[in-house]
PDB file of N, CA and C in Angstrom:
ATOM      1  N   UNK A   1    -152.907   9.492 -88.891  1.00  0.00           N
ATOM      2  CA  UNK A   1    -152.919   9.543 -87.020  1.00  0.00           C
ATOM      3  C   UNK A   1    -153.546  10.098 -86.357  1.00  0.00           C
ATOM      4  N   UNK A   2    -153.361  11.683 -86.930  1.00  0.00           N
ATOM      5  CA  UNK A   2    -154.395  12.454 -86.455  1.00  0.00           C
ATOM      6  C   UNK A   2    -155.908  12.662 -86.975  1.00  0.00           C
ATOM      7  N   UNK A   3    -156.086  12.286 -87.999  1.00  0.00           N
ATOM      8  CA  UNK A   3    -157.394  11.575 -88.272  1.00  0.00           C
ATOM      9  C   UNK A   3    -158.140  10.966 -87.379  1.00  0.00           C
ATOM     10  N   UNK A   4    -157.268   9.692 -86.921  1.00  0.00           N
ATOM     11  CA  UNK A   4    -157.927   8.636 -86.368  1.00  0.00           C
ATOM     12  C   UNK A   4    -158.274   9.505 -84.714  1.00  0.00           C
ATOM     13  N   UNK A   5    -157.194  10.094 -84.416  1.00  0.00           N
ATOM     14  CA  UNK A   5    -157.277  10.609 -82.721  1.00  0.00           C
ATOM     15  C   UNK A   5    -158.443  11.938 -82.887  1.00  0.00           C
ATOM     16  N   UNK A   6    -158.226  12.736 -84.277  1.00  0.00           N
ATOM     17  CA  UNK A   6    -159.701  13.565 -84.122  1.00  0.00           C
ATOM     18  C   UNK A   6    -160.825  13.114 -83.769  1.00  0.00           C
ATOM     19  N   UNK A   7    -160.959  11.497 -84.771  1.00  0.00           N
ATOM     20  CA  UNK A   7    -162.501  11.079 -84.495  1.00  0.00           C
ATOM     21  C   UNK A   7    -162.570  10.531 -83.170  1.00  0.00           C
ATOM     22  N   UNK A   8    -161.567  10.042 -82.424  1.00  0.00           N
ATOM     23  CA  UNK A   8    -161.830   9.647 -81.475  1.00  0.00           C
ATOM     24  C   UNK A   8    -162.020  10.629 -79.613  1.00  0.00           C
ATOM     25  N   UNK A   9    -161.145  11.417 -80.621  1.00  0.00           N
ATOM     26  CA  UNK A   9    -160.818  12.678 -79.404  1.00  0.00           C
ATOM     27  C   UNK A   9    -161.793  13.666 -79.561  1.00  0.00           C
ATOM     28  N   UNK A  10    -161.558  14.160 -80.816  1.00  0.00           N
ATOM     29  CA  UNK A  10    -162.451  15.386 -81.229  1.00  0.00           C
ATOM     30  C   UNK A  10    -161.613  15.885 -82.049  1.00  0.00           C
ATOM     31  N   UNK A  11    -161.844  17.134 -82.940  1.00  0.00           N
ATOM     32  CA  UNK A  11    -161.069  18.127 -83.879  1.00  0.00           C
ATOM     33  C   UNK A  11    -160.311  18.745 -82.557  1.00  0.00           C
ATOM     34  N   UNK A  12    -161.525  19.457 -81.563  1.00  0.00           N
ATOM     35  CA  UNK A  12    -160.650  20.453 -80.524  1.00  0.00           C
ATOM     36  C   UNK A  12    -159.382  19.770 -79.886  1.00  0.00           C
ATOM     37  N   UNK A  13    -159.381  18.760 -79.049  1.00  0.00           N
ATOM     38  CA  UNK A  13    -158.394  18.145 -78.619  1.00  0.00           C
ATOM     39  C   UNK A  13    -157.172  17.938 -79.483  1.00  0.00           C
ATOM     40  N   UNK A  14    -157.092  17.827 -80.633  1.00  0.00           N
ATOM     41  CA  UNK A  14    -155.860  17.585 -82.284  1.00  0.00           C
ATOM     42  C   UNK A  14    -155.336  19.048 -82.201  1.00  0.00           C
ATOM     43  N   UNK A  15    -156.389  19.798 -82.133  1.00  0.00           N
ATOM     44  CA  UNK A  15    -156.020  21.686 -83.015  1.00  0.00           C
ATOM     45  C   UNK A  15    -155.188  21.766 -81.612  1.00  0.00           C
ATOM     46  N   UNK A  16    -155.263  21.515 -80.438  1.00  0.00           N
ATOM     47  CA  UNK A  16    -154.843  22.071 -79.606  1.00  0.00           C
ATOM     48  C   UNK A  16    -153.641  21.334 -78.674  1.00  0.00           C
ATOM     49  N   UNK A  17    -153.482  20.275 -79.622  1.00  0.00           N
ATOM     50  CA  UNK A  17    -152.450  19.314 -78.753  1.00  0.00           C
ATOM     51  C   UNK A  17    -150.792  19.524 -79.239  1.00  0.00           C
ATOM     52  N   UNK A  18    -149.937  19.147 -78.153  1.00  0.00           N
ATOM     53  CA  UNK A  18    -148.730  19.115 -78.310  1.00  0.00           C
ATOM     54  C   UNK A  18    -148.364  18.264 -79.632  1.00  0.00           C
ATOM     55  N   UNK A  19    -148.909  17.428 -80.051  1.00  0.00           N
ATOM     56  CA  UNK A  19    -149.084  16.633 -80.968  1.00  0.00           C
ATOM     57  C   UNK A  19    -148.544  17.400 -82.472  1.00  0.00           C
ATOM     58  N   UNK A  20    -149.952  17.810 -82.457  1.00  0.00           N
ATOM     59  CA  UNK A  20    -149.810  18.929 -84.084  1.00  0.00           C
ATOM     60  C   UNK A  20    -148.866  20.063 -84.184  1.00  0.00           C
ATOM     61  N   UNK A  21    -148.821  20.219 -82.494  1.00  0.00           N
ATOM     62  CA  UNK A  21    -147.249  21.439 -82.856  1.00  0.00           C
ATOM     63  C   UNK A  21    -146.144  20.674 -83.352  1.00  0.00           C
ATOM     64  N   UNK A  22    -145.551  19.875 -82.434  1.00  0.00           N
ATOM     65  CA  UNK A  22    -144.390  19.099 -82.961  1.00  0.00           C
ATOM     66  C   UNK A  22    -144.576  18.429 -84.232  1.00  0.00           C
ATOM     67  N   UNK A  23    -145.792  17.615 -84.905  1.00  0.00           N
ATOM     68  CA  UNK A  23    -145.447  17.961 -86.375  1.00  0.00           C
ATOM     69  C   UNK A  23    -145.531  19.038 -87.234  1.00  0.00           C
ATOM     70  N   UNK A  24    -145.699  19.992 -86.848  1.00  0.00           N
ATOM     71  CA  UNK A  24    -145.629  21.194 -87.880  1.00  0.00           C
ATOM     72  C   UNK A  24    -144.369  21.720 -87.779  1.00  0.00           C
ATOM     73  N   UNK A  25    -143.623  21.350 -86.669  1.00  0.00           N
ATOM     74  CA  UNK A  25    -142.302  21.907 -86.305  1.00  0.00           C
ATOM     75  C   UNK A  25    -141.207  21.448 -87.138  1.00  0.00           C
ATOM     76  N   UNK A  26    -141.585  19.591 -87.349  1.00  0.00           N
ATOM     77  CA  UNK A  26    -141.084  18.963 -88.344  1.00  0.00           C
ATOM     78  C   UNK A  26    -140.550  17.569 -87.265  1.00  0.00           C
ATOM     79  N   UNK A  27    -140.744  17.863 -85.824  1.00  0.00           N
ATOM     80  CA  UNK A  27    -140.199  16.710 -85.078  1.00  0.00           C
ATOM     81  C   UNK A  27    -141.099  15.401 -84.804  1.00  0.00           C
ATOM     82  N   UNK A  28    -140.873  14.554 -85.305  1.00  0.00           N
ATOM     83  CA  UNK A  28    -141.572  13.157 -85.412  1.00  0.00           C
ATOM     84  C   UNK A  28    -141.321  12.072 -83.960  1.00  0.00           C
ATOM     85  N   UNK A  29    -140.980  12.975 -83.293  1.00  0.00           N
ATOM     86  CA  UNK A  29    -140.844  12.185 -81.468  1.00  0.00           C
ATOM     87  C   UNK A  29    -142.057  12.150 -80.788  1.00  0.00           C
ATOM     88  N   UNK A  30    -143.150  12.060 -81.476  1.00  0.00           N
ATOM     89  CA  UNK A  30    -144.358  11.872 -80.785  1.00  0.00           C
ATOM     90  C   UNK A  30    -145.048  10.581 -79.926  1.00  0.00           C
ATOM     91  N   UNK A  31    -144.293   9.712 -79.742  1.00  0.00           N
ATOM     92  CA  UNK A  31    -144.644   8.672 -79.197  1.00  0.00           C
ATOM     93  C   UNK A  31    -145.385   9.016 -77.693  1.00  0.00           C
ATOM     94  N   UNK A  32    -144.512   9.350 -77.039  1.00  0.00           N
ATOM     95  CA  UNK A  32    -145.094   9.770 -75.532  1.00  0.00           C
ATOM     96  C   UNK A  32    -146.396  10.221 -75.838  1.00  0.00           C
ATOM     97  N   UNK A  33    -146.385  11.457 -76.566  1.00  0.00           N
ATOM     98  CA  UNK A  33    -147.210  12.515 -76.835  1.00  0.00           C
ATOM     99  C   UNK A  33    -148.599  12.092 -77.118  1.00  0.00           C
ATOM    100  N   UNK A  34    -148.288  11.414 -77.869  1.00  0.00           N
ATOM    101  CA  UNK A  34    -149.670  10.605 -78.540  1.00  0.00           C
ATOM    102  C   UNK A  34    -150.282   9.271 -77.966  1.00  0.00           C
ATOM    103  N   UNK A  35    -149.351   8.327 -77.210  1.00  0.00           N
ATOM    104  CA  UNK A  35    -149.982   7.667 -76.520  1.00  0.00           C
ATOM    105  C   UNK A  35    -150.484   8.028 -75.269  1.00  0.00           C
ATOM    106  N   UNK A  36    -150.181   9.466 -74.725  1.00  0.00           N
ATOM    107  CA  UNK A  36    -150.790  10.642 -73.906  1.00  0.00           C
ATOM    108  C   UNK A  36    -152.053   9.870 -73.487  1.00  0.00           C
ATOM    109  N   UNK A  37    -153.238  10.368 -74.909  1.00  0.00           N
ATOM    110  CA  UNK A  37    -154.198  10.487 -74.933  1.00  0.00           C
ATOM    111  C   UNK A  37    -154.926   9.233 -75.186  1.00  0.00           C
ATOM    112  N   UNK A  38    -154.919   8.913 -73.921  1.00  0.00           N
ATOM    113  CA  UNK A  38    -155.813   7.500 -72.879  1.00  0.00           C
ATOM    114  C   UNK A  38    -156.568   7.948 -72.001  1.00  0.00           C
ATOM    115  N   UNK A  39    -157.129   8.926 -71.753  1.00  0.00           N
ATOM    116  CA  UNK A  39    -157.542   8.621 -70.553  1.00  0.00           C
ATOM    117  C   UNK A  39    -159.124   9.208 -70.871  1.00  0.00           C
ATOM    118  N   UNK A  40    -159.723   8.378 -70.295  1.00  0.00           N
ATOM    119  CA  UNK A  40    -161.394   8.137 -69.939  1.00  0.00           C
ATOM    120  C   UNK A  40    -162.331   8.898 -68.780  1.00  0.00           C
ATOM    121  N   UNK A  41    -162.784  10.081 -68.973  1.00  0.00           N
ATOM    122  CA  UNK A  41    -163.710  10.765 -67.601  1.00  0.00           C
ATOM    123  C   UNK A  41    -162.234  11.313 -66.907  1.00  0.00           C
ATOM    124  N   UNK A  42    -161.023  11.407 -67.594  1.00  0.00           N
ATOM    125  CA  UNK A  42    -159.804  11.692 -66.812  1.00  0.00           C
ATOM    126  C   UNK A  42    -159.044  10.741 -65.652  1.00  0.00           C
ATOM    127  N   UNK A  43    -159.496   9.525 -66.149  1.00  0.00           N
ATOM    128  CA  UNK A  43    -158.630   8.433 -65.422  1.00  0.00           C
ATOM    129  C   UNK A  43    -157.879   7.771 -67.021  1.00  0.00           C
ATOM    130  N   UNK A  44    -156.827   7.152 -66.652  1.00  0.00           N
ATOM    131  CA  UNK A  44    -156.142   6.512 -67.468  1.00  0.00           C
ATOM    132  C   UNK A  44    -156.851   4.955 -67.676  1.00  0.00           C
ATOM    133  N   UNK A  45    -156.818   4.755 -68.940  1.00  0.00           N
ATOM    134  CA  UNK A  45    -157.727   3.555 -69.521  1.00  0.00           C
ATOM    135  C   UNK A  45    -156.530   2.751 -70.519  1.00  0.00           C
ATOM    136  N   UNK A  46    -156.571   1.677 -69.838  1.00  0.00           N
ATOM    137  CA  UNK A  46    -155.552   0.256 -70.446  1.00  0.00           C
ATOM    138  C   UNK A  46    -155.908   0.033 -71.297  1.00  0.00           C
ATOM    139  N   UNK A  47    -157.201   0.012 -71.795  1.00  0.00           N
ATOM    140  CA  UNK A  47    -157.809  -0.532 -73.498  1.00  0.00           C
ATOM    141  C   UNK A  47    -157.520   1.098 -74.519  1.00  0.00           C
ATOM    142  N   UNK A  48    -157.447   2.156 -74.014  1.00  0.00           N
ATOM    143  CA  UNK A  48    -157.409   3.268 -75.178  1.00  0.00           C
ATOM    144  C   UNK A  48    -155.655   3.368 -74.790  1.00  0.00           C
ATOM    145  N   UNK A  49    -154.954   3.266 -74.432  1.00  0.00           N
ATOM    146  CA  UNK A  49    -153.647   3.002 -74.618  1.00  0.00           C
ATOM    147  C   UNK A  49    -153.067   2.028 -74.704  1.00  0.00           C
ATOM    148  N   UNK A  50    -153.730   0.667 -74.944  1.00  0.00           N
ATOM    149  CA  UNK A  50    -152.916  -0.491 -75.989  1.00  0.00           C
ATOM    150  C   UNK A  50    -153.900   0.206 -77.715  1.00  0.00           C
ATOM    151  N   UNK A  51    -154.845   1.041 -77.317  1.00  0.00           N
ATOM    152  CA  UNK A  51    -155.265   0.954 -78.994  1.00  0.00           C
ATOM    153  C   UNK A  51    -154.231   2.177 -79.607  1.00  0.00           C
ATOM    154  N   UNK A  52    -154.124   3.197 -78.653  1.00  0.00           N
ATOM    155  CA  UNK A  52    -152.514   4.323 -79.092  1.00  0.00           C
ATOM    156  C   UNK A  52    -151.781   3.878 -79.420  1.00  0.00           C
ATOM    157  N   UNK A  53    -151.325   2.745 -78.686  1.00  0.00           N
ATOM    158  CA  UNK A  53    -150.277   1.861 -79.709  1.00  0.00           C
ATOM    159  C   UNK A  53    -149.914   1.418 -80.798  1.00  0.00           C
ATOM    160  N   UNK A  54    -151.470   0.773 -80.884  1.00  0.00           N
ATOM    161  CA  UNK A  54    -151.586   0.098 -82.120  1.00  0.00           C
ATOM    162  C   UNK A  54    -151.627   1.187 -83.272  1.00  0.00           C
ATOM    163  N   UNK A  55    -152.404   1.912 -82.824  1.00  0.00           N
ATOM    164  CA  UNK A  55    -151.758   2.977 -84.024  1.00  0.00           C
ATOM    165  C   UNK A  55    -150.839   3.647 -84.258  1.00  0.00           C
ATOM    166  N   UNK A  56    -150.012   3.778 -83.366  1.00  0.00           N
ATOM    167  CA  UNK A  56    -149.044   4.427 -83.649  1.00  0.00           C
ATOM    168  C   UNK A  56    -148.001   3.265 -84.489  1.00  0.00           C
ATOM    169  N   UNK A  57    -147.900   1.967 -83.958  1.00  0.00           N
ATOM    170  CA  UNK A  57    -147.027   1.140 -84.545  1.00  0.00           C
ATOM    171  C   UNK A  57    -147.355   1.065 -85.863  1.00  0.00           C
ATOM    172  N   UNK A  58    -148.748   1.240 -85.891  1.00  0.00           N
ATOM    173  CA  UNK A  58    -149.259   1.143 -87.792  1.00  0.00           C
ATOM    174  C   UNK A  58    -148.901   2.004 -88.260  1.00  0.00           C
ATOM    175  N   UNK A  59    -148.791   3.027 -87.869  1.00  0.00           N
ATOM    176  CA  UNK A  59    -148.172   4.558 -88.505  1.00  0.00           C
ATOM    177  C   UNK A  59    -146.340   4.188 -88.751  1.00  0.00           C
ATOM    178  N   UNK A  60    -146.081   3.888 -87.891  1.00  0.00           N
ATOM    179  CA  UNK A  60    -144.745   3.899 -88.402  1.00  0.00           C
ATOM    180  C   UNK A  60    -144.082   2.482 -88.357  1.00  0.00           C
ATOM    181  N   UNK A  61    -145.007   1.302 -88.685  1.00  0.00           N
ATOM    182  CA  UNK A  61    -144.552   0.459 -89.443  1.00  0.00           C
ATOM    183  C   UNK A  61    -143.455  -0.417 -88.454  1.00  0.00           C
ATOM    184  N   UNK A  62    -143.819  -0.140 -87.185  1.00  0.00           N
ATOM    185  CA  UNK A  62    -142.799  -0.404 -85.775  1.00  0.00           C
ATOM    186  C   UNK A  62    -143.017  -2.551 -85.726  1.00  0.00           C
ATOM    187  N   UNK A  63    -141.981  -3.150 -85.548  1.00  0.00           N
ATOM    188  CA  UNK A  63    -142.483  -4.526 -85.069  1.00  0.00           C
ATOM    189  C   UNK A  63    -142.188  -4.843 -84.058  1.00  0.00           C
TER     190      UNK A  63
END
């Protein structure tokens, strides 16, 4: 999942993100943090939000 986010947002974004910090500390509750990466030019983008939801659901195999 972080690879997908790094590909789309850039490795610098992932390295500074709270997602990485949470995962390193063992916290797997990253839903809100991961799906928050859905902005384009500073504005909320619905398609990016749907993409992040799909990525998250694929990773955790939720139905």
